[in-house]
Protein backbone atom coordinates (compact mmCIF):
# COMPACT_ATOMS: atom_id res chain seq x y z
CA MET A 1 -7.19 -5.58 -20.39
CA GLU A 2 -9.28 -4.98 -23.45
CA THR A 3 -12.94 -4.20 -23.91
CA GLU A 4 -15.48 -5.14 -26.50
CA SER A 5 -16.52 -2.29 -28.74
CA ARG A 6 -18.72 -0.03 -26.65
CA SER A 7 -20.35 3.31 -27.35
CA THR A 8 -18.68 6.60 -26.49
CA SER A 9 -21.47 7.30 -23.99
CA TRP A 10 -20.71 4.03 -22.16
CA VAL A 11 -16.98 4.86 -22.04
CA TRP A 12 -17.61 8.24 -20.46
CA THR A 13 -20.26 6.83 -18.13
CA VAL A 14 -17.60 4.47 -16.76
CA SER A 15 -15.19 7.43 -16.56
CA PHE A 16 -17.83 9.29 -14.52
CA LEU A 17 -18.10 6.32 -12.16
CA LEU A 18 -14.32 6.48 -11.72
CA LEU A 19 -14.66 10.17 -10.86
CA LEU A 20 -17.27 9.30 -8.22
CA ALA A 21 -15.02 6.59 -6.78
CA THR A 22 -12.16 9.08 -6.43
CA MET A 23 -14.57 11.55 -4.86
CA ILE A 24 -15.66 9.01 -2.23
CA ASN A 25 -12.00 8.09 -1.66
CA TYR A 26 -11.13 11.68 -0.83
CA MET A 27 -14.25 12.34 1.21
CA ASP A 28 -13.28 9.52 3.56
CA ARG A 29 -9.66 10.70 3.57
CA GLN A 30 -10.33 14.43 4.05
CA THR A 31 -12.82 14.10 6.88
CA LEU A 32 -10.00 13.73 9.42
CA SER A 33 -7.83 16.58 8.13
CA ASN A 34 -10.79 18.98 8.21
CA LEU A 35 -11.60 17.95 11.77
CA ALA A 36 -7.96 17.68 12.91
CA PRO A 37 -7.82 20.98 14.84
CA ARG A 38 -11.00 20.06 16.76
CA ILE A 39 -9.92 16.47 17.48
CA SER A 40 -6.35 17.53 18.37
CA LYS A 41 -7.75 19.97 20.91
CA GLN A 42 -10.14 17.44 22.45
CA TRP A 43 -7.47 14.73 22.73
CA ASP A 44 -4.59 17.15 23.42
CA LEU A 45 -2.54 15.95 20.42
CA SER A 46 0.65 17.70 19.36
CA ASN A 47 1.36 18.42 15.70
CA GLU A 48 3.89 15.59 15.73
CA GLU A 49 1.26 13.15 17.04
CA TYR A 50 -1.14 14.24 14.32
CA GLY A 51 1.74 13.71 11.90
CA ASP A 52 2.05 10.14 13.26
CA ILE A 53 -1.60 9.49 12.34
CA GLU A 54 -0.98 10.76 8.80
CA PHE A 55 2.26 8.75 8.78
CA ILE A 56 0.53 5.43 9.41
CA PHE A 57 -2.02 6.24 6.71
CA GLY A 58 0.84 6.75 4.26
CA VAL A 59 2.71 3.58 5.26
CA THR A 60 -0.34 1.34 4.96
CA PHE A 61 -1.31 3.05 1.72
CA ALA A 62 2.14 2.16 0.41
CA VAL A 63 1.83 -1.48 1.47
CA GLY A 64 -1.71 -1.71 0.12
CA SER A 65 -0.60 -0.23 -3.20
CA LEU A 66 1.76 -3.16 -3.75
CA PHE A 67 -0.83 -5.70 -2.63
CA PHE A 68 -3.73 -4.36 -4.68
CA GLY A 69 -1.49 -3.45 -7.60
CA PHE A 70 -0.44 -7.07 -8.06
CA LEU A 71 -3.97 -8.27 -7.34
CA ALA A 72 -5.46 -5.96 -10.00
CA ASP A 73 -3.40 -7.77 -12.65
CA LYS A 74 -4.54 -11.19 -11.44
CA VAL A 75 -8.27 -10.90 -10.70
CA SER A 76 -11.22 -9.13 -12.27
CA VAL A 77 -11.28 -5.44 -11.36
CA ARG A 78 -15.04 -5.58 -11.87
CA TRP A 79 -15.21 -7.36 -8.49
CA LEU A 80 -12.03 -6.09 -6.85
CA TYR A 81 -12.90 -2.43 -7.33
CA PRO A 82 -16.26 -2.41 -5.48
CA ALA A 83 -14.84 -4.69 -2.80
CA VAL A 84 -12.05 -2.30 -1.81
CA LEU A 85 -14.40 0.70 -2.01
CA VAL A 86 -16.91 -0.86 0.37
CA ALA A 87 -14.04 -1.88 2.67
CA TRP A 88 -12.56 1.60 2.99
CA SER A 89 -16.05 3.10 3.42
CA ALA A 90 -16.65 0.73 6.35
CA VAL A 91 -13.37 1.81 7.95
CA GLY A 92 -14.29 5.46 7.42
CA PHE A 93 -17.57 4.80 9.26
CA ALA A 94 -15.72 3.01 12.07
CA THR A 95 -13.42 6.03 12.54
CA GLY A 96 -16.39 7.81 14.08
CA LEU A 97 -16.37 5.19 16.84
CA THR A 98 -12.76 5.78 17.92
CA ARG A 99 -12.13 6.74 21.53
CA GLY A 100 -8.54 7.94 21.56
CA TYR A 101 -5.24 8.26 19.79
CA TRP A 102 -4.51 4.56 19.33
CA SER A 103 -7.93 3.57 17.98
CA MET A 104 -7.74 6.52 15.57
CA PHE A 105 -4.23 5.37 14.63
CA LEU A 106 -5.55 1.87 13.85
CA CYS A 107 -8.50 3.09 11.79
CA ARG A 108 -6.33 5.49 9.84
CA GLY A 109 -3.94 2.67 9.04
CA LEU A 110 -6.75 0.41 7.77
CA LEU A 111 -8.20 3.28 5.75
CA GLY A 112 -4.89 3.83 3.99
CA PHE A 113 -4.56 0.14 3.17
CA PHE A 114 -7.98 -0.23 1.56
CA GLU A 115 -8.04 3.20 -0.13
CA SER A 116 -4.84 2.29 -1.97
CA GLY A 117 -6.77 -0.27 -4.02
CA HIS A 118 -8.62 2.50 -5.85
CA TRP A 119 -5.75 3.67 -8.06
CA PRO A 120 -4.51 0.38 -9.55
CA CYS A 121 -8.10 -0.58 -10.37
CA ALA A 122 -8.97 2.81 -11.84
CA LEU A 123 -5.88 3.08 -14.04
CA VAL A 124 -6.32 -0.45 -15.35
CA VAL A 125 -9.83 0.58 -16.40
CA THR A 126 -8.88 3.89 -18.05
CA GLN A 127 -6.04 2.25 -19.95
CA GLY A 128 -8.42 -0.38 -21.26
CA ILE A 129 -11.34 1.81 -22.32
CA LEU A 130 -9.56 4.96 -23.55
CA SER A 131 -7.29 5.54 -26.54
CA ARG A 132 -3.79 6.96 -26.08
CA GLY A 133 -4.82 10.47 -27.09
CA GLN A 134 -7.78 10.44 -24.69
CA ARG A 135 -5.91 9.35 -21.60
CA VAL A 136 -4.78 12.70 -20.18
CA MET A 137 -8.39 13.89 -20.44
CA GLY A 138 -9.73 10.63 -19.02
CA ASN A 139 -7.22 10.70 -16.19
CA SER A 140 -8.17 14.32 -15.54
CA VAL A 141 -11.79 13.23 -15.10
CA LEU A 142 -10.64 10.41 -12.80
CA GLN A 143 -8.37 12.65 -10.70
CA SER A 144 -10.85 15.52 -10.55
CA GLY A 145 -12.95 13.39 -8.25
CA ALA A 146 -10.32 14.09 -5.59
CA SER A 147 -11.17 17.76 -5.80
CA LEU A 148 -14.90 17.17 -5.71
CA GLY A 149 -14.55 15.00 -2.63
CA ALA A 150 -12.41 17.61 -0.94
CA ILE A 151 -14.87 20.36 -1.96
CA PHE A 152 -17.92 18.61 -0.54
CA THR A 153 -16.32 17.28 2.64
CA PRO A 154 -15.88 20.58 4.54
CA LEU A 155 -19.36 21.72 3.44
CA ILE A 156 -20.90 18.49 4.71
CA ILE A 157 -18.96 18.80 7.96
CA ARG A 158 -20.08 22.39 8.38
CA GLN A 159 -23.72 21.44 7.87
CA LEU A 160 -23.50 18.53 10.29
CA ILE A 161 -21.63 20.18 13.17
CA GLY A 162 -22.01 23.93 12.60
CA ASP A 163 -20.64 25.89 15.54
CA SER A 164 -21.46 23.17 18.06
CA THR A 165 -19.00 22.85 20.93
CA THR A 166 -20.27 19.41 21.97
CA ALA A 167 -17.26 17.20 22.56
CA ASP A 168 -18.19 14.30 20.26
CA VAL A 169 -20.11 16.14 17.55
CA TRP A 170 -17.21 15.52 15.14
CA ARG A 171 -18.13 11.83 14.93
CA MET A 172 -21.26 12.35 12.82
CA PRO A 173 -19.41 13.31 9.57
CA PHE A 174 -17.50 10.03 9.69
CA PHE A 175 -20.78 8.10 9.93
CA VAL A 176 -22.48 10.00 7.11
CA ILE A 177 -19.58 10.03 4.66
CA GLY A 178 -18.63 6.44 5.41
CA SER A 179 -22.09 5.26 4.34
CA VAL A 180 -21.82 6.40 0.70
CA GLY A 181 -19.78 3.51 -0.75
CA LEU A 182 -22.59 0.94 -1.04
CA ALA A 183 -24.51 3.06 -3.57
CA TRP A 184 -21.42 3.34 -5.80
CA ALA A 185 -20.78 -0.41 -5.72
CA PHE A 186 -24.35 -1.06 -6.88
CA LEU A 187 -24.03 1.40 -9.80
CA TRP A 188 -20.66 -0.06 -10.83
CA LEU A 189 -21.98 -3.62 -11.04
CA LEU A 190 -25.03 -2.37 -12.92
CA VAL A 191 -23.03 -0.52 -15.60
CA VAL A 192 -19.90 -2.71 -15.96
CA LYS A 193 -20.45 -6.30 -17.06
CA PRO A 194 -17.87 -9.14 -16.90
CA ARG A 195 -17.30 -9.04 -20.67
CA ASP A 196 -16.36 -5.33 -20.53
CA LEU A 197 -13.04 -5.79 -18.71
CA ARG A 198 -11.44 -8.88 -20.20
CA ARG A 199 -7.75 -9.62 -19.67
CA PRO A 200 -5.23 -9.15 -22.50
CA HIS A 201 -2.63 -11.70 -23.57
CA ASP A 202 0.73 -11.17 -21.94
CA ARG A 203 2.22 -10.40 -25.34
CA PRO A 204 0.25 -7.70 -27.18
CA THR A 205 -0.52 -8.39 -30.82
CA ALA A 206 -0.80 -6.08 -33.76
CA GLN A 207 -4.56 -6.68 -33.74
CA SER A 208 -5.00 -5.34 -30.20
CA PRO A 209 -7.47 -2.43 -30.13
CA ASN A 210 -5.45 -0.79 -27.40
CA THR A 211 -3.61 2.10 -29.06
CA LEU A 212 -0.88 1.96 -26.42
CA ASP A 213 0.30 -1.40 -27.76
CA ARG A 214 1.13 0.12 -31.14
CA HIS A 215 3.12 2.96 -29.62
CA SER A 216 4.87 1.56 -26.57
CA PRO A 217 4.80 -2.24 -26.38
CA ALA A 218 4.72 -3.79 -22.96
CA PRO A 219 7.73 -5.82 -21.84
CA SER A 220 7.24 -9.55 -22.34
CA ARG A 221 8.11 -10.06 -18.66
CA PHE A 222 7.10 -7.62 -15.97
CA TRP A 223 10.53 -7.44 -14.34
CA ASN A 224 12.02 -6.02 -17.55
CA VAL A 225 10.42 -2.71 -16.62
CA PHE A 226 13.08 -2.16 -13.95
CA PHE A 227 15.68 -1.92 -16.70
CA ASP A 228 13.72 0.82 -18.47
CA ARG A 229 15.04 4.35 -17.82
CA ARG A 230 11.47 5.66 -18.01
CA PHE A 231 10.54 3.66 -14.92
CA TRP A 232 13.15 5.45 -12.83
CA GLY A 233 12.16 8.84 -14.23
CA LEU A 234 8.62 8.18 -13.05
CA ILE A 235 9.88 7.04 -9.63
CA VAL A 236 11.44 10.49 -9.16
CA MET A 237 8.27 12.18 -10.40
CA VAL A 238 5.82 10.27 -8.20
CA ILE A 239 7.90 10.84 -5.05
CA CYS A 240 7.88 14.58 -5.67
CA ILE A 241 4.26 15.11 -6.70
CA ASN A 242 2.80 12.77 -4.07
CA THR A 243 4.79 14.36 -1.24
CA SER A 244 3.75 17.85 -2.29
CA TRP A 245 0.07 17.02 -2.75
CA GLN A 246 -0.37 14.86 0.35
CA LEU A 247 1.34 17.21 2.79
CA ILE A 248 -0.46 20.31 1.57
CA ARG A 249 -3.76 18.40 1.69
CA ALA A 250 -3.16 17.18 5.23
CA TRP A 251 -1.80 20.40 6.75
CA LEU A 252 -3.72 23.19 4.99
CA PRO A 253 -6.51 23.41 7.64
CA LYS A 254 -3.91 23.70 10.40
CA PHE A 255 -1.85 26.18 8.35
CA LEU A 256 -4.91 28.40 8.00
CA GLN A 257 -6.22 28.10 11.57
CA GLU A 258 -3.07 27.80 13.66
CA GLY A 259 -0.62 29.48 11.29
CA ARG A 260 -2.74 32.40 10.04
CA GLY A 261 -5.48 32.75 12.67
CA TYR A 262 -8.54 31.86 10.61
CA SER A 263 -11.58 30.39 12.38
CA GLU A 264 -12.73 26.83 11.83
CA ALA A 265 -15.68 28.00 9.73
CA GLN A 266 -13.47 30.24 7.58
CA ALA A 267 -10.97 27.43 7.05
CA LEU A 268 -13.70 24.93 6.10
CA TYR A 269 -15.26 27.26 3.55
CA PHE A 270 -11.90 28.17 2.06
CA ASN A 271 -10.97 24.49 1.89
CA SER A 272 -13.97 23.95 -0.37
CA ILE A 273 -12.92 26.84 -2.61
CA TYR A 274 -9.34 25.57 -2.60
CA PHE A 275 -10.40 22.21 -3.96
CA VAL A 276 -12.64 23.82 -6.58
CA PHE A 277 -9.40 25.22 -7.95
CA THR A 278 -7.63 21.87 -7.73
CA ASP A 279 -10.45 20.51 -9.88
CA LEU A 280 -10.10 23.38 -12.35
CA GLY A 281 -6.37 22.70 -12.54
CA CYS A 282 -6.92 18.99 -13.12
CA ILE A 283 -9.56 19.37 -15.85
CA GLY A 284 -7.62 22.29 -17.32
CA ALA A 285 -4.55 20.08 -17.64
CA GLY A 286 -6.52 17.53 -19.64
CA LEU A 287 -8.08 20.14 -21.92
CA ALA A 288 -4.73 21.87 -22.46
CA ALA A 289 -3.04 18.61 -23.43
CA LEU A 290 -5.84 17.83 -25.90
CA ALA A 291 -5.62 21.32 -27.41
CA LEU A 292 -1.85 21.21 -27.82
CA ALA A 293 -2.00 17.79 -29.49
CA ARG A 294 -4.73 18.96 -31.85
CA HIS A 295 -2.58 21.91 -32.86
CA GLY A 296 0.30 19.67 -33.91
CA MET A 297 2.36 19.23 -30.76
CA SER A 298 3.36 15.65 -30.05
CA ILE A 299 1.40 13.85 -27.35
CA HIS A 300 4.48 13.48 -25.16
CA ARG A 301 5.58 17.10 -25.49
CA SER A 302 2.07 18.36 -24.81
CA ARG A 303 2.08 16.42 -21.53
CA VAL A 304 5.49 17.80 -20.56
CA ALA A 305 4.40 21.37 -21.35
CA VAL A 306 1.23 21.08 -19.29
CA TYR A 307 3.14 19.51 -16.39
CA LEU A 308 5.74 22.32 -16.47
CA VAL A 309 3.13 25.07 -16.20
CA ALA A 310 1.31 23.24 -13.40
CA SER A 311 4.54 22.68 -11.45
CA LEU A 312 5.41 26.39 -11.59
CA MET A 313 1.95 27.21 -10.27
CA ALA A 314 2.50 24.78 -7.38
CA GLY A 315 5.69 26.67 -6.53
CA MET A 316 3.57 29.61 -5.34
CA THR A 317 3.69 28.03 -1.88
CA LEU A 318 6.81 30.16 -1.48
CA ALA A 319 4.78 33.34 -2.00
CA ALA A 320 2.03 32.04 0.30
CA ALA A 321 4.52 31.33 3.09
CA LEU A 322 5.75 34.93 2.93
CA THR A 323 2.26 36.47 2.95
CA PRO A 324 0.14 37.28 6.04
CA SER A 325 -3.56 36.46 6.25
CA GLY A 326 -5.70 38.29 3.71
CA TRP A 327 -6.97 38.06 0.15
CA LEU A 328 -3.47 37.90 -1.39
CA LEU A 329 -2.55 34.84 0.69
CA LEU A 330 -5.76 33.10 -0.35
CA ALA A 331 -5.13 33.97 -4.02
CA PHE A 332 -1.66 32.44 -3.88
CA LEU A 333 -3.09 29.29 -2.31
CA LEU A 334 -5.66 28.96 -5.11
CA VAL A 335 -2.90 29.05 -7.70
CA VAL A 336 -1.09 26.36 -5.70
CA ALA A 337 -4.30 24.33 -5.68
CA ALA A 338 -4.59 24.27 -9.47
CA GLY A 339 -0.92 23.39 -9.93
CA THR A 340 -0.52 20.62 -7.38
CA LEU A 341 -3.33 18.53 -8.87
CA GLY A 342 -2.76 19.55 -12.48
CA VAL A 343 0.46 17.51 -12.65
CA PHE A 344 -1.27 14.20 -11.86
CA PRO A 345 -3.11 13.50 -15.15
CA CYS A 346 0.20 13.94 -16.99
CA TYR A 347 1.98 11.57 -14.59
CA TYR A 348 -0.74 8.92 -14.97
CA SER A 349 -0.52 9.16 -18.76
CA PHE A 350 3.27 8.77 -18.67
CA THR A 351 2.78 5.67 -16.50
CA GLN A 352 0.38 4.12 -18.99
CA GLU A 353 3.09 4.30 -21.65
CA LEU A 354 5.25 1.66 -19.95
CA THR A 355 3.03 -1.42 -20.11
CA SER A 356 -0.40 -2.59 -21.15
CA SER A 357 -0.37 -6.00 -19.42
CA HIS A 358 1.06 -5.16 -16.00
CA LEU A 359 -0.34 -1.71 -15.22
CA GLY A 360 -1.82 -2.73 -11.87
CA ARG A 361 1.53 -3.93 -10.56
CA LEU A 362 3.35 -0.93 -12.01
CA THR A 363 0.88 1.51 -10.48
CA GLY A 364 1.16 -0.30 -7.16
CA ILE A 365 4.95 -0.02 -7.14
CA PHE A 366 4.89 3.69 -7.99
CA SER A 367 2.28 4.34 -5.32
CA PHE A 368 4.23 2.24 -2.79
CA VAL A 369 7.40 4.26 -3.34
CA GLY A 370 5.59 7.61 -3.40
CA TRP A 371 3.76 6.96 -0.15
CA LEU A 372 6.67 5.27 1.59
CA VAL A 373 8.74 8.41 1.08
CA SER A 374 6.00 10.95 1.83
CA ALA A 375 4.63 9.24 4.96
CA PRO A 376 7.66 9.90 7.24
CA ILE A 377 7.72 13.50 6.02
CA GLN A 378 4.27 13.99 7.59
CA LYS A 379 5.79 13.30 11.00
CA LEU A 380 8.86 15.39 10.18
CA PHE A 381 6.68 18.29 9.07
CA GLY A 382 4.79 18.22 12.38
CA ALA A 383 8.01 18.02 14.39
CA ILE A 384 9.46 21.03 12.53
CA VAL A 385 6.30 23.05 13.14
CA ASP A 386 6.37 22.18 16.85
CA ALA A 387 10.06 23.08 17.11
CA ARG A 388 9.92 26.35 15.14
CA GLY A 389 6.41 27.44 16.08
CA SER A 390 5.69 28.21 12.40
CA PHE A 391 4.38 26.44 9.30
CA ASP A 392 6.05 28.86 6.90
CA GLU A 393 9.47 27.38 6.08
CA PRO A 394 8.41 23.75 5.42
CA PHE A 395 5.25 24.91 3.63
CA ALA A 396 7.27 27.14 1.28
CA LEU A 397 9.32 24.17 0.04
CA LEU A 398 6.44 21.78 -0.63
CA GLY A 399 5.25 23.44 -3.82
CA TRP A 400 8.60 23.17 -5.59
CA LEU A 401 8.77 19.39 -5.37
CA PRO A 402 6.74 18.79 -8.60
CA PHE A 403 9.19 20.96 -10.55
CA LEU A 404 12.12 18.94 -9.17
CA GLY A 405 10.24 15.82 -10.19
CA LEU A 406 10.00 17.09 -13.76
CA LEU A 407 13.74 17.74 -13.91
CA GLY A 408 14.49 14.18 -12.79
CA PHE A 409 11.94 12.80 -15.24
CA LEU A 410 13.42 14.70 -18.21
CA LEU A 411 16.91 13.48 -17.39
CA LEU A 412 15.79 9.85 -17.53
CA TRP A 413 12.98 9.74 -20.10
CA PRO A 414 14.47 9.15 -23.60
CA ALA A 415 13.82 11.58 -26.42
CA GLU A 416 11.01 10.82 -28.86
CA ARG A 417 12.07 8.48 -31.58
CA GLY A 418 10.00 9.38 -34.60
CA PRO A 419 6.85 10.92 -36.04
CA SER A 420 4.83 7.74 -35.55
CA GLU A 421 5.33 8.00 -31.81
CA THR A 422 5.06 11.73 -31.37
CA ARG A 423 1.73 12.69 -32.90
CA THR A 424 -1.83 11.62 -32.39
CA PRO A 425 -2.59 8.83 -34.89
CA LYS A 426 -4.97 9.83 -37.65
CA THR A 427 -7.24 6.92 -36.77
CA GLU A 428 -7.53 8.03 -33.15
CA SER A 429 -9.98 10.71 -32.14
CA PRO A 430 -9.26 12.67 -28.97
CA GLU A 431 -12.94 13.14 -28.42
């Protein structure tokens, strides 16, 4: 995809819309996890059964990632993007109408399928409108919407249900949050015109304005990517970072309430603070990568350095698992928050190095693999907690997965080949 020359303000306006889309994505996703202890109690669900509900979300997200990934390379994302956003918002609304385990199971599955369309569409857009040196920052803005959605969701829930003990009061947040998508779709179609997101030729030319094409040409045929060592390095990375992020996201409210004895209100408020720090970690990763590149470090090495620091921060789940309730536990969790999301902008930027013509399909495949592996672990996590009566051991291991992903990535990603590929081009401004 390539765009006509547009102003910097337009580029960052579109980036802000991507942030809002990610925010809505996570608001619909996080509503259930924040209400899980209340719903589990009302419906008498075990941790393993709750894990099954998160499992089906992951499986359908994986399947949808392949479907929408291939579709994003074939049709206009100007229309596909708002369509999938309105679809998942409608399913989020319908979740408030569920009457038991199986209807919740069905809605969660549909939500995962439609929400998966967000990422292929968003990454196709950021690759097309941002230069190579801007992409970690742009992807940080995109990913930070996940934090904002997760910050606002528990606060909205708290305002809507308070301390009410009414059996079905938990349904209202699903109705309210599920209604937001229509406004975003209107803004998107207002700002982004058909000419803004035109398709590239399958074979990039030297005249292409996309900086990526000059640095890492796309394969002439999509299937050639499977013979690229970098592809398999990113497979390892996405499995590790997605499993870590998704399980901590899904189980943190239960870890706090059932594992450490915090009240629902305390857990909701801390959840908001937790995701403030995920946002700080995400934006901080983008700023750090920009700063390192400006000070002479190669673009690739700056991404690796930022990822390494973030992965070590995520590993503080080990300290959190060994710490009882109190301020020290919460401090460890905030460090984990910044680290677990801080790795994602780097991963997205690595992904955008592989191809300029087939990014939707590539993103869909990575997402499919990441979710297909992480989804069964949701059920396994719940089964282990039920069997051991403790969240500590499995929780301690989750934070070290991003570091393992980096090791696998470094083993498979080839060394930089020359100055022209290692430093920000003089013609390219990171601003």
